[in-house]
Amino acid sequence: MNKIQKALQKFGESERIALKKIIVQIKSGNFSNLDIKKLKGHNNVFRVRKGKFRVVFSTDNGKTTLIAIGRRNDTTYNF
């Protein structure tokens, strides 16, 4: 089980469904209707904000890699 799957297990069913929809959208490259922002100090690293949740991912030559999923707190972007 990788880090992303393990993080998804910590959420409730409705939260998990919403996060999976976001992940599918990111992986497909369809960034419409997502609140995306580039993270300062990082090249090609972005976050998607959905309520109290954050999905951090990077893009490199058209390849998207999920880095972290979690609830917003003081250590959300410390990866």
PDB file of N, CA and C in Angstrom:
ATOM      1  N   MET A   1       0.850  -1.172   0.000  1.00  0.00           N
ATOM      2  CA  MET A   1       0.000   0.000   0.000  1.00  0.00           C
ATOM      3  C   MET A   1       0.901   1.243   0.000  1.00  0.00           C
ATOM      4  N   ASN A   2       0.674   2.135  -0.962  1.00  0.00           N
ATOM      5  CA  ASN A   2       1.510   3.319  -1.014  1.00  0.00           C
ATOM      6  C   ASN A   2       0.976   4.413  -0.088  1.00  0.00           C
ATOM      7  N   LYS A   3       1.704   5.518  -0.036  1.00  0.00           N
ATOM      8  CA  LYS A   3       1.393   6.607   0.886  1.00  0.00           C
ATOM      9  C   LYS A   3       0.030   7.250   0.605  1.00  0.00           C
ATOM     10  N   ILE A   4      -0.322   7.379  -0.657  1.00  0.00           N
ATOM     11  CA  ILE A   4      -1.592   8.002  -1.029  1.00  0.00           C
ATOM     12  C   ILE A   4      -2.765   7.110  -0.616  1.00  0.00           C
ATOM     13  N   GLN A   5      -2.677   5.820  -0.881  1.00  0.00           N
ATOM     14  CA  GLN A   5      -3.744   4.899  -0.494  1.00  0.00           C
ATOM     15  C   GLN A   5      -3.907   4.864   1.023  1.00  0.00           C
ATOM     16  N   LYS A   6      -2.801   4.911   1.723  1.00  0.00           N
ATOM     17  CA  LYS A   6      -2.846   4.900   3.181  1.00  0.00           C
ATOM     18  C   LYS A   6      -3.505   6.169   3.711  1.00  0.00           C
ATOM     19  N   ALA A   7      -3.213   7.302   3.085  1.00  0.00           N
ATOM     20  CA  ALA A   7      -3.822   8.568   3.506  1.00  0.00           C
ATOM     21  C   ALA A   7      -5.328   8.561   3.240  1.00  0.00           C
ATOM     22  N   LEU A   8      -5.745   7.975   2.133  1.00  0.00           N
ATOM     23  CA  LEU A   8      -7.175   7.917   1.807  1.00  0.00           C
ATOM     24  C   LEU A   8      -7.956   7.086   2.820  1.00  0.00           C
ATOM     25  N   GLN A   9      -7.330   6.084   3.404  1.00  0.00           N
ATOM     26  CA  GLN A   9      -8.000   5.224   4.375  1.00  0.00           C
ATOM     27  C   GLN A   9      -8.377   5.972   5.653  1.00  0.00           C
ATOM     28  N   LYS A  10      -7.721   7.103   5.916  1.00  0.00           N
ATOM     29  CA  LYS A  10      -7.987   7.863   7.137  1.00  0.00           C
ATOM     30  C   LYS A  10      -9.264   8.690   7.051  1.00  0.00           C
ATOM     31  N   PHE A  11      -9.806   8.853   5.841  1.00  0.00           N
ATOM     32  CA  PHE A  11     -10.979   9.691   5.635  1.00  0.00           C
ATOM     33  C   PHE A  11     -12.242   8.862   5.631  1.00  0.00           C
ATOM     34  N   GLY A  12     -13.371   9.530   5.863  1.00  0.00           N
ATOM     35  CA  GLY A  12     -14.674   8.880   5.803  1.00  0.00           C
ATOM     36  C   GLY A  12     -15.040   8.579   4.356  1.00  0.00           C
ATOM     37  N   GLU A  13     -16.106   7.839   4.169  1.00  0.00           N
ATOM     38  CA  GLU A  13     -16.506   7.386   2.831  1.00  0.00           C
ATOM     39  C   GLU A  13     -16.820   8.552   1.892  1.00  0.00           C
ATOM     40  N   SER A  14     -17.597   9.529   2.361  1.00  0.00           N
ATOM     41  CA  SER A  14     -17.962  10.654   1.486  1.00  0.00           C
ATOM     42  C   SER A  14     -16.741  11.503   1.147  1.00  0.00           C
ATOM     43  N   GLU A  15     -15.838  11.680   2.120  1.00  0.00           N
ATOM     44  CA  GLU A  15     -14.608  12.428   1.867  1.00  0.00           C
ATOM     45  C   GLU A  15     -13.732  11.693   0.869  1.00  0.00           C
ATOM     46  N   ARG A  16     -13.646  10.369   1.017  1.00  0.00           N
ATOM     47  CA  ARG A  16     -12.838   9.545   0.134  1.00  0.00           C
ATOM     48  C   ARG A  16     -13.348   9.629  -1.313  1.00  0.00           C
ATOM     49  N   ILE A  17     -14.659   9.624  -1.492  1.00  0.00           N
ATOM     50  CA  ILE A  17     -15.240   9.710  -2.835  1.00  0.00           C
ATOM     51  C   ILE A  17     -14.885  11.049  -3.471  1.00  0.00           C
ATOM     52  N   ALA A  18     -15.004  12.145  -2.712  1.00  0.00           N
ATOM     53  CA  ALA A  18     -14.678  13.476  -3.237  1.00  0.00           C
ATOM     54  C   ALA A  18     -13.200  13.569  -3.606  1.00  0.00           C
ATOM     55  N   LEU A  19     -12.334  13.034  -2.748  1.00  0.00           N
ATOM     56  CA  LEU A  19     -10.898  13.077  -3.031  1.00  0.00           C
ATOM     57  C   LEU A  19     -10.533  12.227  -4.241  1.00  0.00           C
ATOM     58  N   LYS A  20     -11.176  11.075  -4.393  1.00  0.00           N
ATOM     59  CA  LYS A  20     -10.901  10.225  -5.553  1.00  0.00           C
ATOM     60  C   LYS A  20     -11.304  10.915  -6.852  1.00  0.00           C
ATOM     61  N   LYS A  21     -12.399  11.673  -6.834  1.00  0.00           N
ATOM     62  CA  LYS A  21     -12.806  12.425  -8.019  1.00  0.00           C
ATOM     63  C   LYS A  21     -11.743  13.456  -8.389  1.00  0.00           C
ATOM     64  N   ILE A  22     -11.189  14.125  -7.379  1.00  0.00           N
ATOM     65  CA  ILE A  22     -10.141  15.110  -7.623  1.00  0.00           C
ATOM     66  C   ILE A  22      -8.899  14.432  -8.186  1.00  0.00           C
ATOM     67  N   ILE A  23      -8.529  13.287  -7.624  1.00  0.00           N
ATOM     68  CA  ILE A  23      -7.342  12.563  -8.084  1.00  0.00           C
ATOM     69  C   ILE A  23      -7.504  12.128  -9.532  1.00  0.00           C
ATOM     70  N   VAL A  24      -8.677  11.630  -9.892  1.00  0.00           N
ATOM     71  CA  VAL A  24      -8.931  11.216 -11.272  1.00  0.00           C
ATOM     72  C   VAL A  24      -8.818  12.414 -12.214  1.00  0.00           C
ATOM     73  N   GLN A  25      -9.345  13.555 -11.784  1.00  0.00           N
ATOM     74  CA  GLN A  25      -9.271  14.761 -12.592  1.00  0.00           C
ATOM     75  C   GLN A  25      -7.820  15.199 -12.791  1.00  0.00           C
ATOM     76  N   ILE A  26      -7.024  15.146 -11.734  1.00  0.00           N
ATOM     77  CA  ILE A  26      -5.618  15.529 -11.821  1.00  0.00           C
ATOM     78  C   ILE A  26      -4.865  14.580 -12.749  1.00  0.00           C
ATOM     79  N   LYS A  27      -5.054  13.285 -12.558  1.00  0.00           N
ATOM     80  CA  LYS A  27      -4.355  12.286 -13.366  1.00  0.00           C
ATOM     81  C   LYS A  27      -4.718  12.388 -14.846  1.00  0.00           C
ATOM     82  N   SER A  28      -5.966  12.792 -15.145  1.00  0.00           N
ATOM     83  CA  SER A  28      -6.383  12.907 -16.541  1.00  0.00           C
ATOM     84  C   SER A  28      -5.902  14.212 -17.171  1.00  0.00           C
ATOM     85  N   GLY A  29      -5.409  15.138 -16.352  1.00  0.00           N
ATOM     86  CA  GLY A  29      -4.938  16.418 -16.868  1.00  0.00           C
ATOM     87  C   GLY A  29      -6.037  17.438 -17.036  1.00  0.00           C
ATOM     88  N   ASN A  30      -7.225  17.142 -16.538  1.00  0.00           N
ATOM     89  CA  ASN A  30      -8.365  18.046 -16.620  1.00  0.00           C
ATOM     90  C   ASN A  30      -8.397  18.898 -15.347  1.00  0.00           C
ATOM     91  N   PHE A  31      -7.820  20.103 -15.415  1.00  0.00           N
ATOM     92  CA  PHE A  31      -7.723  20.954 -14.231  1.00  0.00           C
ATOM     93  C   PHE A  31      -8.845  21.975 -14.130  1.00  0.00           C
ATOM     94  N   SER A  32      -9.867  21.855 -14.989  1.00  0.00           N
ATOM     95  CA  SER A  32     -10.980  22.799 -14.918  1.00  0.00           C
ATOM     96  C   SER A  32     -11.786  22.561 -13.646  1.00  0.00           C
ATOM     97  N   ASN A  33     -12.305  23.625 -13.101  1.00  0.00           N
ATOM     98  CA  ASN A  33     -13.116  23.602 -11.879  1.00  0.00           C
ATOM     99  C   ASN A  33     -12.346  23.153 -10.643  1.00  0.00           C
ATOM    100  N   LEU A  34     -11.012  23.229 -10.681  1.00  0.00           N
ATOM    101  CA  LEU A  34     -10.197  22.909  -9.508  1.00  0.00           C
ATOM    102  C   LEU A  34      -9.484  24.175  -9.047  1.00  0.00           C
ATOM    103  N   ASP A  35      -9.370  24.343  -7.739  1.00  0.00           N
ATOM    104  CA  ASP A  35      -8.652  25.483  -7.169  1.00  0.00           C
ATOM    105  C   ASP A  35      -7.184  25.085  -7.052  1.00  0.00           C
ATOM    106  N   ILE A  36      -6.399  25.408  -8.084  1.00  0.00           N
ATOM    107  CA  ILE A  36      -4.989  25.005  -8.148  1.00  0.00           C
ATOM    108  C   ILE A  36      -4.103  26.219  -7.941  1.00  0.00           C
ATOM    109  N   LYS A  37      -3.024  26.011  -7.184  1.00  0.00           N
ATOM    110  CA  LYS A  37      -2.045  27.069  -6.969  1.00  0.00           C
ATOM    111  C   LYS A  37      -0.655  26.446  -6.927  1.00  0.00           C
ATOM    112  N   LYS A  38       0.308  27.117  -7.551  1.00  0.00           N
ATOM    113  CA  LYS A  38       1.697  26.657  -7.524  1.00  0.00           C
ATOM    114  C   LYS A  38       2.279  26.964  -6.153  1.00  0.00           C
ATOM    115  N   LEU A  39       3.034  26.033  -5.598  1.00  0.00           N
ATOM    116  CA  LEU A  39       3.627  26.240  -4.284  1.00  0.00           C
ATOM    117  C   LEU A  39       4.943  26.990  -4.415  1.00  0.00           C
ATOM    118  N   LYS A  40       5.138  27.989  -3.562  1.00  0.00           N
ATOM    119  CA  LYS A  40       6.359  28.786  -3.581  1.00  0.00           C
ATOM    120  C   LYS A  40       7.557  27.932  -3.209  1.00  0.00           C
ATOM    121  N   GLY A  41       8.679  28.184  -3.851  1.00  0.00           N
ATOM    122  CA  GLY A  41       9.915  27.491  -3.518  1.00  0.00           C
ATOM    123  C   GLY A  41      10.052  26.118  -4.129  1.00  0.00           C
ATOM    124  N   HIS A  42       9.085  25.700  -4.918  1.00  0.00           N
ATOM    125  CA  HIS A  42       9.132  24.386  -5.549  1.00  0.00           C
ATOM    126  C   HIS A  42       8.886  24.548  -7.045  1.00  0.00           C
ATOM    127  N   ASN A  43       9.612  23.781  -7.831  1.00  0.00           N
ATOM    128  CA  ASN A  43       9.386  23.783  -9.271  1.00  0.00           C
ATOM    129  C   ASN A  43       8.349  22.735  -9.618  1.00  0.00           C
ATOM    130  N   ASN A  44       7.323  23.130 -10.350  1.00  0.00           N
ATOM    131  CA  ASN A  44       6.299  22.212 -10.845  1.00  0.00           C
ATOM    132  C   ASN A  44       5.550  21.467  -9.743  1.00  0.00           C
ATOM    133  N   VAL A  45       5.389  22.070  -8.570  1.00  0.00           N
ATOM    134  CA  VAL A  45       4.615  21.463  -7.489  1.00  0.00           C
ATOM    135  C   VAL A  45       3.407  22.357  -7.239  1.00  0.00           C
ATOM    136  N   PHE A  46       2.222  21.729  -7.220  1.00  0.00           N
ATOM    137  CA  PHE A  46       0.971  22.457  -7.101  1.00  0.00           C
ATOM    138  C   PHE A  46       0.120  21.846  -6.001  1.00  0.00           C
ATOM    139  N   ARG A  47      -0.879  22.610  -5.550  1.00  0.00           N
ATOM    140  CA  ARG A  47      -1.842  22.076  -4.603  1.00  0.00           C
ATOM    141  C   ARG A  47      -3.246  22.342  -5.137  1.00  0.00           C
ATOM    142  N   VAL A  48      -4.140  21.431  -4.827  1.00  0.00           N
ATOM    143  CA  VAL A  48      -5.559  21.600  -5.122  1.00  0.00           C
ATOM    144  C   VAL A  48      -6.259  21.752  -3.790  1.00  0.00           C
ATOM    145  N   ARG A  49      -7.055  22.783  -3.671  1.00  0.00           N
ATOM    146  CA  ARG A  49      -7.782  23.038  -2.429  1.00  0.00           C
ATOM    147  C   ARG A  49      -9.247  22.690  -2.641  1.00  0.00           C
ATOM    148  N   LYS A  50      -9.774  21.848  -1.772  1.00  0.00           N
ATOM    149  CA  LYS A  50     -11.187  21.472  -1.804  1.00  0.00           C
ATOM    150  C   LYS A  50     -11.676  21.461  -0.369  1.00  0.00           C
ATOM    151  N   GLY A  51     -12.279  22.564   0.052  1.00  0.00           N
ATOM    152  CA  GLY A  51     -12.725  22.663   1.434  1.00  0.00           C
ATOM    153  C   GLY A  51     -11.557  22.596   2.384  1.00  0.00           C
ATOM    154  N   LYS A  52     -11.599  21.668   3.315  1.00  0.00           N
ATOM    155  CA  LYS A  52     -10.509  21.525   4.287  1.00  0.00           C
ATOM    156  C   LYS A  52      -9.432  20.545   3.834  1.00  0.00           C
ATOM    157  N   PHE A  53      -9.532  20.050   2.604  1.00  0.00           N
ATOM    158  CA  PHE A  53      -8.581  19.067   2.095  1.00  0.00           C
ATOM    159  C   PHE A  53      -7.605  19.693   1.119  1.00  0.00           C
ATOM    160  N   ARG A  54      -6.397  19.131   1.061  1.00  0.00           N
ATOM    161  CA  ARG A  54      -5.381  19.558   0.120  1.00  0.00           C
ATOM    162  C   ARG A  54      -4.794  18.341  -0.566  1.00  0.00           C
ATOM    163  N   VAL A  55      -4.636  18.436  -1.880  1.00  0.00           N
ATOM    164  CA  VAL A  55      -3.975  17.395  -2.660  1.00  0.00           C
ATOM    165  C   VAL A  55      -2.772  18.068  -3.300  1.00  0.00           C
ATOM    166  N   VAL A  56      -1.579  17.597  -2.985  1.00  0.00           N
ATOM    167  CA  VAL A  56      -0.345  18.167  -3.506  1.00  0.00           C
ATOM    168  C   VAL A  56       0.177  17.222  -4.587  1.00  0.00           C
ATOM    169  N   PHE A  57       0.535  17.809  -5.739  1.00  0.00           N
ATOM    170  CA  PHE A  57       1.030  16.999  -6.843  1.00  0.00           C
ATOM    171  C   PHE A  57       2.082  17.764  -7.619  1.00  0.00           C
ATOM    172  N   SER A  58       2.857  17.032  -8.411  1.00  0.00           N
ATOM    173  CA  SER A  58       3.854  17.655  -9.265  1.00  0.00           C
ATOM    174  C   SER A  58       3.638  17.206 -10.704  1.00  0.00           C
ATOM    175  N   THR A  59       4.094  18.032 -11.622  1.00  0.00           N
ATOM    176  CA  THR A  59       4.023  17.691 -13.035  1.00  0.00           C
ATOM    177  C   THR A  59       5.422  17.795 -13.611  1.00  0.00           C
ATOM    178  N   ASP A  60       5.770  16.842 -14.451  1.00  0.00           N
ATOM    179  CA  ASP A  60       7.085  16.855 -15.085  1.00  0.00           C
ATOM    180  C   ASP A  60       6.959  16.200 -16.450  1.00  0.00           C
ATOM    181  N   ASN A  61       7.152  16.974 -17.488  1.00  0.00           N
ATOM    182  CA  ASN A  61       7.066  16.486 -18.867  1.00  0.00           C
ATOM    183  C   ASN A  61       5.748  15.776 -19.146  1.00  0.00           C
ATOM    184  N   GLY A  62       4.646  16.344 -18.667  1.00  0.00           N
ATOM    185  CA  GLY A  62       3.333  15.767 -18.910  1.00  0.00           C
ATOM    186  C   GLY A  62       2.951  14.640 -17.973  1.00  0.00           C
ATOM    187  N   LYS A  63       3.847  14.242 -17.091  1.00  0.00           N
ATOM    188  CA  LYS A  63       3.565  13.175 -16.124  1.00  0.00           C
ATOM    189  C   LYS A  63       3.188  13.810 -14.780  1.00  0.00           C
ATOM    190  N   THR A  64       2.081  13.357 -14.219  1.00  0.00           N
ATOM    191  CA  THR A  64       1.595  13.887 -12.951  1.00  0.00           C
ATOM    192  C   THR A  64       1.845  12.872 -11.843  1.00  0.00           C
ATOM    193  N   THR A  65       2.425  13.357 -10.738  1.00  0.00           N
ATOM    194  CA  THR A  65       2.727  12.502  -9.596  1.00  0.00           C
ATOM    195  C   THR A  65       2.081  13.082  -8.352  1.00  0.00           C
ATOM    196  N   LEU A  66       1.279  12.291  -7.662  1.00  0.00           N
ATOM    197  CA  LEU A  66       0.682  12.729  -6.401  1.00  0.00           C
ATOM    198  C   LEU A  66       1.729  12.663  -5.304  1.00  0.00           C
ATOM    199  N   ILE A  67       1.809  13.715  -4.512  1.00  0.00           N
ATOM    200  CA  ILE A  67       2.802  13.784  -3.442  1.00  0.00           C
ATOM    201  C   ILE A  67       2.162  13.550  -2.085  1.00  0.00           C
ATOM    202  N   ALA A  68       1.038  14.237  -1.826  1.00  0.00           N
ATOM    203  CA  ALA A  68       0.419  14.124  -0.506  1.00  0.00           C
ATOM    204  C   ALA A  68      -1.064  14.461  -0.576  1.00  0.00           C
ATOM    205  N   ILE A  69      -1.811  13.893   0.353  1.00  0.00           N
ATOM    206  CA  ILE A  69      -3.227  14.194   0.544  1.00  0.00           C
ATOM    207  C   ILE A  69      -3.430  14.369   2.037  1.00  0.00           C
ATOM    208  N   GLY A  70      -4.166  15.412   2.419  1.00  0.00           N
ATOM    209  CA  GLY A  70      -4.424  15.581   3.839  1.00  0.00           C
ATOM    210  C   GLY A  70      -5.348  16.729   4.130  1.00  0.00           C
ATOM    211  N   ARG A  71      -5.710  16.830   5.390  1.00  0.00           N
ATOM    212  CA  ARG A  71      -6.504  17.957   5.846  1.00  0.00           C
ATOM    213  C   ARG A  71      -5.574  19.142   6.051  1.00  0.00           C
ATOM    214  N   ARG A  72      -6.098  20.331   5.892  1.00  0.00           N
ATOM    215  CA  ARG A  72      -5.302  21.540   6.053  1.00  0.00           C
ATOM    216  C   ARG A  72      -4.935  21.722   7.514  1.00  0.00           C
ATOM    217  N   ASN A  73      -3.637  21.900   7.779  1.00  0.00           N
ATOM    218  CA  ASN A  73      -3.148  22.236   9.113  1.00  0.00           C
ATOM    219  C   ASN A  73      -1.807  22.953   8.958  1.00  0.00           C
ATOM    220  N   ASP A  74      -1.109  23.176  10.038  1.00  0.00           N
ATOM    221  CA  ASP A  74       0.151  23.923   9.994  1.00  0.00           C
ATOM    222  C   ASP A  74       1.271  23.195   9.268  1.00  0.00           C
ATOM    223  N   THR A  75       1.163  21.877   9.140  1.00  0.00           N
ATOM    224  CA  THR A  75       2.225  21.092   8.497  1.00  0.00           C
ATOM    225  C   THR A  75       1.808  20.499   7.152  1.00  0.00           C
ATOM    226  N   THR A  76       0.777  21.015   6.554  1.00  0.00           N
ATOM    227  CA  THR A  76       0.260  20.459   5.310  1.00  0.00           C
ATOM    228  C   THR A  76       1.309  20.437   4.218  1.00  0.00           C
ATOM    229  N   TYR A  77       2.071  21.501   4.080  1.00  0.00           N
ATOM    230  CA  TYR A  77       3.009  21.611   2.965  1.00  0.00           C
ATOM    231  C   TYR A  77       4.432  21.252   3.324  1.00  0.00           C
ATOM    232  N   ASN A  78       4.646  20.583   4.437  1.00  0.00           N
ATOM    233  CA  ASN A  78       5.981  20.119   4.838  1.00  0.00           C
ATOM    234  C   ASN A  78       6.154  18.685   4.377  1.00  0.00           C
ATOM    235  N   PHE A  79       6.623  18.518   3.161  1.00  0.00           N
ATOM    236  CA  PHE A  79       6.830  17.160   2.633  1.00  0.00           C
ATOM    237  C   PHE A  79       8.228  16.989   2.162  1.00  0.00           C
TER     238      PHE A  79
END
